[in-house]
Amino acid sequence: MDESGNPILDSNSNPVLECMCGNVIQGRTDPSKPFFTQEGSFWTNDTDELLATTTEADRGGPTRNRCNAEGYRSVALIPLRTGGEIIGLLQLNDENPGRLNIEGIRFFEEIGASIGIAFSRIKIEQLLEDKSATG
């Protein structure tokens, strides 16, 4: 947000999203890093350790560390996709470290794809309803 409380926009008039949520939603992930998956999810079993052993550059830019400040140690951010587009984010947090594993992350990635398809279908149905109401 700018000084007036308005969202800061990029050159395409999209809101500039920061932190790790923004990285995942905007597809700015690097699967060569151990905390990103091939599907573009972020996960860690210990935010304290992640922050102590990585740099902002490693993490893809500045992070606000809000999850860590709120006491969450295990964090997963799963993109919700429809087609090739990321339309949202599924966030899983736990105050305890070690609560996640790659099998669980893959399961939630599949659920994220299903949620994305469901949202897409709802959006199409609403557009068709609106069109038939006006047409």
N, C-alpha and C. Protein backbone atom coordinates (compact mmCIF):
# COMPACT_ATOMS: atom_id res chain seq x y z
N MET A 1 0.84 -1.18 0.00
CA MET A 1 0.00 0.00 0.00
C MET A 1 0.89 1.24 0.00
N ASP A 2 0.42 2.27 -0.68
CA ASP A 2 1.18 3.51 -0.68
C ASP A 2 0.79 4.35 0.55
N GLU A 3 1.33 5.57 0.63
CA GLU A 3 1.08 6.43 1.80
C GLU A 3 -0.39 6.77 1.97
N SER A 4 -1.16 6.75 0.87
CA SER A 4 -2.59 7.07 0.91
C SER A 4 -3.46 5.85 1.19
N GLY A 5 -2.84 4.68 1.31
CA GLY A 5 -3.60 3.47 1.59
C GLY A 5 -4.09 2.76 0.33
N ASN A 6 -3.62 3.19 -0.84
CA ASN A 6 -4.01 2.56 -2.09
C ASN A 6 -3.02 1.46 -2.45
N PRO A 7 -3.50 0.41 -3.12
CA PRO A 7 -2.57 -0.65 -3.52
C PRO A 7 -1.53 -0.14 -4.51
N ILE A 8 -0.31 -0.60 -4.36
CA ILE A 8 0.75 -0.29 -5.32
C ILE A 8 0.59 -1.26 -6.49
N LEU A 9 0.58 -0.73 -7.71
CA LEU A 9 0.34 -1.54 -8.90
C LEU A 9 1.59 -1.65 -9.75
N ASP A 10 1.70 -2.79 -10.47
CA ASP A 10 2.83 -2.95 -11.39
C ASP A 10 2.46 -2.33 -12.75
N SER A 11 3.30 -2.52 -13.74
CA SER A 11 3.09 -1.90 -15.06
C SER A 11 1.86 -2.45 -15.77
N ASN A 12 1.33 -3.60 -15.31
CA ASN A 12 0.12 -4.18 -15.90
C ASN A 12 -1.12 -3.89 -15.06
N SER A 13 -1.00 -2.97 -14.11
CA SER A 13 -2.09 -2.59 -13.19
C SER A 13 -2.51 -3.71 -12.24
N ASN A 14 -1.60 -4.64 -11.99
CA ASN A 14 -1.85 -5.69 -11.01
C ASN A 14 -1.23 -5.27 -9.69
N PRO A 15 -1.86 -5.63 -8.57
CA PRO A 15 -1.27 -5.28 -7.27
C PRO A 15 0.10 -5.93 -7.11
N VAL A 16 1.04 -5.19 -6.54
CA VAL A 16 2.35 -5.72 -6.22
C VAL A 16 2.21 -6.53 -4.94
N LEU A 17 2.49 -7.81 -5.03
CA LEU A 17 2.35 -8.70 -3.89
C LEU A 17 3.74 -9.05 -3.37
N GLU A 18 3.94 -8.83 -2.08
CA GLU A 18 5.24 -9.07 -1.47
C GLU A 18 5.24 -10.35 -0.68
N CYS A 19 6.35 -10.64 -0.13
CA CYS A 19 6.57 -11.74 0.78
C CYS A 19 6.42 -13.07 0.05
N MET A 20 6.42 -14.15 0.77
CA MET A 20 6.38 -15.47 0.15
C MET A 20 5.02 -15.74 -0.47
N CYS A 21 3.95 -15.22 0.11
CA CYS A 21 2.62 -15.39 -0.51
C CYS A 21 2.62 -14.78 -1.90
N GLY A 22 3.17 -13.60 -2.04
CA GLY A 22 3.25 -12.95 -3.34
C GLY A 22 4.09 -13.74 -4.32
N ASN A 23 5.21 -14.31 -3.83
CA ASN A 23 6.04 -15.13 -4.70
C ASN A 23 5.24 -16.31 -5.27
N VAL A 24 4.49 -16.99 -4.42
CA VAL A 24 3.72 -18.16 -4.86
C VAL A 24 2.58 -17.73 -5.78
N ILE A 25 1.82 -16.73 -5.39
CA ILE A 25 0.68 -16.29 -6.21
C ILE A 25 1.14 -15.81 -7.57
N GLN A 26 2.28 -15.16 -7.64
CA GLN A 26 2.76 -14.64 -8.91
C GLN A 26 3.72 -15.59 -9.63
N GLY A 27 3.86 -16.80 -9.11
CA GLY A 27 4.67 -17.81 -9.77
C GLY A 27 6.16 -17.54 -9.74
N ARG A 28 6.61 -16.77 -8.75
CA ARG A 28 8.04 -16.45 -8.62
C ARG A 28 8.71 -17.45 -7.69
N THR A 29 8.71 -18.71 -8.10
CA THR A 29 9.31 -19.76 -7.28
C THR A 29 10.43 -20.44 -8.06
N ASP A 30 11.35 -21.03 -7.33
CA ASP A 30 12.51 -21.69 -7.94
C ASP A 30 12.59 -23.11 -7.38
N PRO A 31 12.14 -24.10 -8.17
CA PRO A 31 12.12 -25.47 -7.65
C PRO A 31 13.50 -26.05 -7.34
N SER A 32 14.57 -25.35 -7.69
CA SER A 32 15.90 -25.84 -7.31
C SER A 32 16.16 -25.57 -5.82
N LYS A 33 15.35 -24.71 -5.21
CA LYS A 33 15.47 -24.43 -3.78
C LYS A 33 14.67 -25.48 -3.00
N PRO A 34 15.16 -25.93 -1.86
CA PRO A 34 14.49 -27.02 -1.14
C PRO A 34 13.12 -26.65 -0.57
N PHE A 35 12.81 -25.38 -0.48
CA PHE A 35 11.53 -24.95 0.09
C PHE A 35 10.46 -24.66 -0.96
N PHE A 36 10.79 -24.85 -2.24
CA PHE A 36 9.80 -24.74 -3.32
C PHE A 36 9.63 -26.10 -3.98
N THR A 37 8.42 -26.36 -4.50
CA THR A 37 8.19 -27.61 -5.23
C THR A 37 8.14 -27.33 -6.73
N GLN A 38 8.14 -28.38 -7.52
CA GLN A 38 8.00 -28.26 -8.97
C GLN A 38 6.69 -27.59 -9.34
N GLU A 39 5.66 -27.74 -8.52
CA GLU A 39 4.33 -27.19 -8.78
C GLU A 39 4.19 -25.74 -8.31
N GLY A 40 5.25 -25.19 -7.72
CA GLY A 40 5.23 -23.79 -7.32
C GLY A 40 4.77 -23.52 -5.90
N SER A 41 4.72 -24.56 -5.08
CA SER A 41 4.37 -24.37 -3.66
C SER A 41 5.61 -24.01 -2.87
N PHE A 42 5.38 -23.35 -1.74
CA PHE A 42 6.43 -23.08 -0.76
C PHE A 42 6.08 -23.87 0.49
N TRP A 43 7.10 -24.43 1.14
CA TRP A 43 6.86 -25.07 2.44
C TRP A 43 8.13 -25.13 3.26
N THR A 44 7.94 -25.06 4.55
CA THR A 44 9.04 -25.22 5.50
C THR A 44 8.50 -25.83 6.77
N ASN A 45 9.31 -26.62 7.40
CA ASN A 45 8.97 -27.20 8.69
C ASN A 45 9.50 -26.39 9.86
N ASP A 46 10.24 -25.32 9.54
CA ASP A 46 10.77 -24.50 10.62
C ASP A 46 11.13 -23.11 10.09
N THR A 47 10.23 -22.17 10.29
CA THR A 47 10.47 -20.81 9.80
C THR A 47 11.68 -20.18 10.48
N ASP A 48 11.92 -20.51 11.75
CA ASP A 48 13.11 -19.98 12.43
C ASP A 48 14.37 -20.41 11.69
N GLU A 49 14.47 -21.69 11.38
CA GLU A 49 15.65 -22.21 10.68
C GLU A 49 15.74 -21.63 9.27
N LEU A 50 14.62 -21.55 8.57
CA LEU A 50 14.63 -20.99 7.21
C LEU A 50 15.19 -19.57 7.21
N LEU A 51 14.70 -18.75 8.12
CA LEU A 51 15.16 -17.36 8.18
C LEU A 51 16.63 -17.26 8.58
N ALA A 52 17.10 -18.18 9.43
CA ALA A 52 18.48 -18.14 9.89
C ALA A 52 19.47 -18.67 8.85
N THR A 53 19.00 -19.50 7.93
CA THR A 53 19.93 -20.16 7.00
C THR A 53 19.78 -19.71 5.55
N THR A 54 18.89 -18.76 5.28
CA THR A 54 18.71 -18.27 3.91
C THR A 54 18.77 -16.75 3.89
N THR A 55 19.00 -16.21 2.71
CA THR A 55 18.99 -14.76 2.53
C THR A 55 17.70 -14.37 1.80
N GLU A 56 17.43 -13.06 1.75
CA GLU A 56 16.28 -12.59 0.98
C GLU A 56 16.41 -13.04 -0.47
N ALA A 57 17.61 -12.99 -1.01
CA ALA A 57 17.81 -13.42 -2.40
C ALA A 57 17.47 -14.91 -2.56
N ASP A 58 17.86 -15.73 -1.59
CA ASP A 58 17.52 -17.16 -1.63
C ASP A 58 16.01 -17.36 -1.67
N ARG A 59 15.30 -16.53 -0.89
CA ARG A 59 13.85 -16.67 -0.75
C ARG A 59 13.09 -15.96 -1.87
N GLY A 60 13.77 -15.34 -2.79
CA GLY A 60 13.09 -14.69 -3.92
C GLY A 60 12.71 -13.25 -3.66
N GLY A 61 13.29 -12.63 -2.66
CA GLY A 61 13.02 -11.23 -2.36
C GLY A 61 12.74 -11.02 -0.90
N PRO A 62 12.37 -9.80 -0.54
CA PRO A 62 12.12 -9.49 0.87
C PRO A 62 10.92 -10.26 1.40
N THR A 63 11.02 -10.69 2.63
CA THR A 63 9.89 -11.33 3.30
C THR A 63 9.57 -10.53 4.56
N ARG A 64 8.29 -10.42 4.86
CA ARG A 64 7.88 -9.67 6.04
C ARG A 64 7.98 -10.51 7.30
N ASN A 65 8.06 -11.83 7.14
CA ASN A 65 8.21 -12.77 8.25
C ASN A 65 7.03 -12.73 9.21
N ARG A 66 5.86 -12.40 8.68
CA ARG A 66 4.66 -12.29 9.51
C ARG A 66 4.27 -13.64 10.11
N CYS A 67 4.34 -14.71 9.31
CA CYS A 67 3.98 -16.03 9.84
C CYS A 67 4.87 -16.40 11.01
N ASN A 68 6.17 -16.16 10.84
CA ASN A 68 7.12 -16.47 11.90
C ASN A 68 6.84 -15.60 13.13
N ALA A 69 6.58 -14.32 12.91
CA ALA A 69 6.30 -13.41 14.04
C ALA A 69 5.04 -13.81 14.80
N GLU A 70 4.09 -14.43 14.09
CA GLU A 70 2.85 -14.89 14.74
C GLU A 70 3.03 -16.24 15.42
N GLY A 71 4.24 -16.80 15.33
CA GLY A 71 4.52 -18.05 16.02
C GLY A 71 4.38 -19.30 15.19
N TYR A 72 4.17 -19.16 13.89
CA TYR A 72 4.04 -20.34 13.04
C TYR A 72 5.40 -20.83 12.61
N ARG A 73 5.67 -22.10 12.86
CA ARG A 73 6.96 -22.70 12.50
C ARG A 73 6.83 -23.53 11.23
N SER A 74 5.74 -24.31 11.11
CA SER A 74 5.48 -25.08 9.89
C SER A 74 4.51 -24.29 9.03
N VAL A 75 4.91 -24.01 7.78
CA VAL A 75 4.10 -23.17 6.89
C VAL A 75 4.14 -23.77 5.49
N ALA A 76 2.98 -23.84 4.85
CA ALA A 76 2.90 -24.25 3.45
C ALA A 76 1.99 -23.26 2.72
N LEU A 77 2.41 -22.88 1.52
CA LEU A 77 1.65 -21.99 0.65
C LEU A 77 1.46 -22.72 -0.68
N ILE A 78 0.24 -23.08 -0.98
CA ILE A 78 -0.09 -23.91 -2.14
C ILE A 78 -0.86 -23.06 -3.14
N PRO A 79 -0.37 -22.94 -4.39
CA PRO A 79 -1.12 -22.15 -5.37
C PRO A 79 -2.41 -22.84 -5.79
N LEU A 80 -3.46 -22.05 -5.96
CA LEU A 80 -4.72 -22.55 -6.51
C LEU A 80 -4.71 -22.19 -7.98
N ARG A 81 -4.79 -23.21 -8.83
CA ARG A 81 -4.64 -23.01 -10.27
C ARG A 81 -5.90 -23.40 -11.02
N THR A 82 -6.12 -22.67 -12.10
CA THR A 82 -7.09 -23.09 -13.09
C THR A 82 -6.44 -22.83 -14.44
N GLY A 83 -6.34 -23.89 -15.24
CA GLY A 83 -5.57 -23.75 -16.47
C GLY A 83 -4.14 -23.44 -16.09
N GLY A 84 -3.55 -22.47 -16.74
CA GLY A 84 -2.19 -22.07 -16.41
C GLY A 84 -2.13 -20.90 -15.46
N GLU A 85 -3.27 -20.48 -14.93
CA GLU A 85 -3.34 -19.27 -14.12
C GLU A 85 -3.44 -19.59 -12.64
N ILE A 86 -2.70 -18.85 -11.82
CA ILE A 86 -2.82 -18.96 -10.37
C ILE A 86 -3.88 -17.96 -9.93
N ILE A 87 -4.93 -18.46 -9.29
CA ILE A 87 -6.06 -17.59 -8.91
C ILE A 87 -6.16 -17.36 -7.41
N GLY A 88 -5.31 -18.02 -6.65
CA GLY A 88 -5.38 -17.86 -5.21
C GLY A 88 -4.33 -18.70 -4.52
N LEU A 89 -4.52 -18.88 -3.22
CA LEU A 89 -3.51 -19.51 -2.39
C LEU A 89 -4.18 -20.26 -1.26
N LEU A 90 -3.72 -21.47 -1.01
CA LEU A 90 -4.12 -22.23 0.16
C LEU A 90 -2.95 -22.16 1.13
N GLN A 91 -3.21 -21.66 2.35
CA GLN A 91 -2.14 -21.49 3.33
C GLN A 91 -2.39 -22.41 4.51
N LEU A 92 -1.36 -23.16 4.88
CA LEU A 92 -1.42 -24.07 6.03
C LEU A 92 -0.35 -23.64 7.02
N ASN A 93 -0.73 -23.43 8.27
CA ASN A 93 0.21 -23.00 9.31
C ASN A 93 0.05 -23.87 10.54
N ASP A 94 1.15 -24.12 11.24
CA ASP A 94 1.11 -24.80 12.53
C ASP A 94 2.20 -24.20 13.40
N GLU A 95 1.90 -24.04 14.67
CA GLU A 95 2.87 -23.47 15.60
C GLU A 95 4.01 -24.43 15.90
N ASN A 96 3.84 -25.70 15.61
CA ASN A 96 4.86 -26.70 15.89
C ASN A 96 5.74 -26.93 14.66
N PRO A 97 7.04 -27.11 14.88
CA PRO A 97 7.91 -27.45 13.75
C PRO A 97 7.70 -28.91 13.35
N GLY A 98 8.07 -29.23 12.11
CA GLY A 98 8.06 -30.61 11.66
C GLY A 98 6.71 -31.20 11.34
N ARG A 99 5.73 -30.37 11.06
CA ARG A 99 4.37 -30.87 10.83
C ARG A 99 4.07 -31.25 9.37
N LEU A 100 4.98 -30.95 8.47
CA LEU A 100 4.73 -31.16 7.04
C LEU A 100 5.68 -32.18 6.45
N ASN A 101 5.25 -32.80 5.33
CA ASN A 101 6.13 -33.66 4.55
C ASN A 101 5.74 -33.52 3.09
N ILE A 102 6.62 -33.96 2.19
CA ILE A 102 6.40 -33.74 0.77
C ILE A 102 5.15 -34.48 0.28
N GLU A 103 4.83 -35.63 0.85
CA GLU A 103 3.62 -36.33 0.43
C GLU A 103 2.37 -35.50 0.75
N GLY A 104 2.36 -34.90 1.91
CA GLY A 104 1.24 -34.03 2.27
C GLY A 104 1.16 -32.80 1.38
N ILE A 105 2.31 -32.22 1.05
CA ILE A 105 2.33 -31.05 0.18
C ILE A 105 1.77 -31.43 -1.19
N ARG A 106 2.19 -32.57 -1.72
CA ARG A 106 1.66 -33.03 -3.03
C ARG A 106 0.16 -33.25 -2.97
N PHE A 107 -0.34 -33.81 -1.87
CA PHE A 107 -1.78 -34.00 -1.68
C PHE A 107 -2.50 -32.65 -1.74
N PHE A 108 -1.99 -31.67 -1.03
CA PHE A 108 -2.63 -30.36 -1.03
C PHE A 108 -2.48 -29.65 -2.38
N GLU A 109 -1.41 -29.92 -3.11
CA GLU A 109 -1.30 -29.38 -4.47
C GLU A 109 -2.41 -29.93 -5.35
N GLU A 110 -2.73 -31.21 -5.20
CA GLU A 110 -3.84 -31.80 -5.96
C GLU A 110 -5.17 -31.17 -5.55
N ILE A 111 -5.35 -30.98 -4.25
CA ILE A 111 -6.57 -30.31 -3.78
C ILE A 111 -6.62 -28.88 -4.31
N GLY A 112 -5.47 -28.20 -4.33
CA GLY A 112 -5.41 -26.83 -4.86
C GLY A 112 -5.85 -26.78 -6.32
N ALA A 113 -5.45 -27.78 -7.11
CA ALA A 113 -5.88 -27.83 -8.51
C ALA A 113 -7.39 -28.03 -8.59
N SER A 114 -7.94 -28.88 -7.73
CA SER A 114 -9.38 -29.11 -7.72
C SER A 114 -10.15 -27.86 -7.31
N ILE A 115 -9.64 -27.16 -6.31
CA ILE A 115 -10.28 -25.92 -5.88
C ILE A 115 -10.25 -24.90 -7.02
N GLY A 116 -9.12 -24.80 -7.72
CA GLY A 116 -9.00 -23.88 -8.85
C GLY A 116 -10.02 -24.19 -9.93
N ILE A 117 -10.20 -25.47 -10.25
CA ILE A 117 -11.19 -25.88 -11.26
C ILE A 117 -12.59 -25.52 -10.78
N ALA A 118 -12.89 -25.77 -9.52
CA ALA A 118 -14.22 -25.44 -8.98
C ALA A 118 -14.49 -23.94 -9.05
N PHE A 119 -13.50 -23.12 -8.67
CA PHE A 119 -13.68 -21.66 -8.77
C PHE A 119 -13.90 -21.23 -10.21
N SER A 120 -13.16 -21.83 -11.12
CA SER A 120 -13.31 -21.49 -12.54
C SER A 120 -14.72 -21.83 -13.01
N ARG A 121 -15.21 -22.98 -12.62
CA ARG A 121 -16.56 -23.39 -13.02
C ARG A 121 -17.61 -22.42 -12.45
N ILE A 122 -17.46 -22.06 -11.20
CA ILE A 122 -18.40 -21.12 -10.58
C ILE A 122 -18.38 -19.79 -11.33
N LYS A 123 -17.19 -19.31 -11.67
CA LYS A 123 -17.06 -18.04 -12.40
C LYS A 123 -17.74 -18.13 -13.76
N ILE A 124 -17.55 -19.22 -14.47
CA ILE A 124 -18.19 -19.39 -15.79
C ILE A 124 -19.70 -19.45 -15.64
N GLU A 125 -20.19 -20.16 -14.64
CA GLU A 125 -21.63 -20.24 -14.41
C GLU A 125 -22.22 -18.87 -14.11
N GLN A 126 -21.50 -18.06 -13.31
CA GLN A 126 -21.97 -16.72 -12.99
C GLN A 126 -22.00 -15.84 -14.24
N LEU A 127 -20.98 -15.96 -15.08
CA LEU A 127 -20.94 -15.19 -16.32
C LEU A 127 -22.09 -15.58 -17.23
N LEU A 128 -22.38 -16.86 -17.33
CA LEU A 128 -23.49 -17.33 -18.17
C LEU A 128 -24.83 -16.84 -17.61
N GLU A 129 -24.97 -16.88 -16.28
CA GLU A 129 -26.19 -16.37 -15.63
C GLU A 129 -26.37 -14.89 -15.93
N ASP A 130 -25.29 -14.12 -15.77
CA ASP A 130 -25.36 -12.69 -16.01
C ASP A 130 -25.70 -12.40 -17.47
N LYS A 131 -25.13 -13.17 -18.36
CA LYS A 131 -25.38 -12.97 -19.79
C LYS A 131 -26.83 -13.28 -20.14
N SER A 132 -27.37 -14.36 -19.59
CA SER A 132 -28.76 -14.71 -19.90
C SER A 132 -29.74 -13.74 -19.24
N ALA A 133 -29.36 -13.13 -18.11
CA ALA A 133 -30.22 -12.17 -17.43
C ALA A 133 -30.29 -10.86 -18.20
N THR A 134 -29.20 -10.52 -18.88
CA THR A 134 -29.16 -9.24 -19.61
C THR A 134 -29.47 -9.42 -21.09
N GLY A 135 -29.44 -10.66 -21.54
CA GLY A 135 -29.51 -10.87 -22.97
C GLY A 135 -30.79 -11.25 -23.55
